[in-house]
């Protein structure tokens, strides 16, 4: 008789391939020690801050688009 945990292990794909490889959200393999420069670049890159001005601009663009349709 196979235990419940063994059945789950057989049906669930492994999230890692050994030797440090990890499956990313997009399905690509990722190895932390081989991708340190990419990781550091992502951590140091400034992200676009969604300020209230950009939200107002987006709202104005949506209103203009709706007005031009009618």
Protein backbone atom coordinates (compact mmCIF):
# COMPACT_ATOMS: atom_id res chain seq x y z
CA UNK A 1 0.00 0.00 0.00
CA UNK A 2 1.35 3.46 -0.98
CA UNK A 3 1.08 6.18 1.63
CA UNK A 4 -0.86 9.37 0.97
CA UNK A 5 2.33 11.48 1.04
CA UNK A 6 3.98 9.24 -1.55
CA UNK A 7 0.98 9.68 -3.88
CA UNK A 8 1.17 13.46 -3.54
CA UNK A 9 4.87 13.43 -4.28
CA UNK A 10 4.31 11.40 -7.46
CA UNK A 11 1.60 13.76 -8.74
CA UNK A 12 3.21 17.07 -7.80
CA UNK A 13 6.06 18.31 -10.01
CA UNK A 14 9.17 19.27 -8.16
CA UNK A 15 9.77 23.01 -7.84
CA UNK A 16 13.53 22.50 -8.02
CA UNK A 17 15.78 20.40 -10.22
CA UNK A 18 18.59 19.87 -7.71
CA UNK A 19 21.94 21.63 -7.57
CA UNK A 20 20.17 24.93 -6.84
CA UNK A 21 18.01 25.20 -9.96
CA UNK A 22 14.57 26.74 -9.38
CA UNK A 23 11.58 27.03 -11.72
CA UNK A 24 10.58 30.67 -12.20
CA UNK A 25 7.02 31.97 -12.54
CA UNK A 26 7.42 31.97 -16.32
CA UNK A 27 8.59 28.32 -16.31
CA UNK A 28 12.23 29.15 -17.00
CA UNK A 29 15.00 27.64 -14.93
CA UNK A 30 16.84 29.98 -12.59
CA UNK A 31 20.10 29.37 -10.74
CA UNK A 32 20.85 32.02 -8.08
CA UNK A 33 24.62 31.79 -8.24
CA UNK A 34 24.65 32.00 -12.04
CA UNK A 35 22.23 34.90 -12.20
CA UNK A 36 23.62 37.12 -9.44
CA UNK A 37 24.14 40.07 -11.80
CA UNK A 38 20.52 39.85 -12.99
CA UNK A 39 19.31 39.58 -9.42
CA UNK A 40 21.36 42.54 -8.23
CA UNK A 41 20.27 44.63 -11.21
CA UNK A 42 16.61 43.90 -10.45
CA UNK A 43 17.12 44.85 -6.81
CA UNK A 44 18.90 48.12 -7.59
CA UNK A 45 16.67 49.23 -10.48
CA UNK A 46 14.25 51.96 -9.46
CA UNK A 47 10.66 51.00 -9.94
CA UNK A 48 8.22 53.48 -11.41
CA UNK A 49 6.20 54.99 -8.60
CA UNK A 50 2.55 55.44 -9.40
CA UNK A 51 2.08 58.99 -8.14
CA UNK A 52 -1.20 60.80 -7.82
CA UNK A 53 -0.27 62.89 -10.88
CA UNK A 54 0.05 59.79 -13.05
CA UNK A 55 -3.28 58.50 -11.70
CA UNK A 56 -4.97 61.81 -12.60
CA UNK A 57 -3.36 61.69 -16.05
CA UNK A 58 -4.67 58.15 -16.59
CA UNK A 59 -8.16 59.20 -15.48
CA UNK A 60 -8.10 62.19 -17.87
CA UNK A 61 -7.04 59.92 -20.73
CA UNK A 62 -9.91 57.53 -19.98
CA UNK A 63 -12.43 60.39 -19.83
CA UNK A 64 -11.13 61.79 -23.14
CA UNK A 65 -11.41 58.35 -24.74
CA UNK A 66 -15.01 57.94 -23.55
CA UNK A 67 -15.98 61.47 -24.68
CA UNK A 68 -14.50 60.94 -28.13
CA UNK A 69 -16.51 57.72 -28.58
CA UNK A 70 -19.86 59.46 -28.01
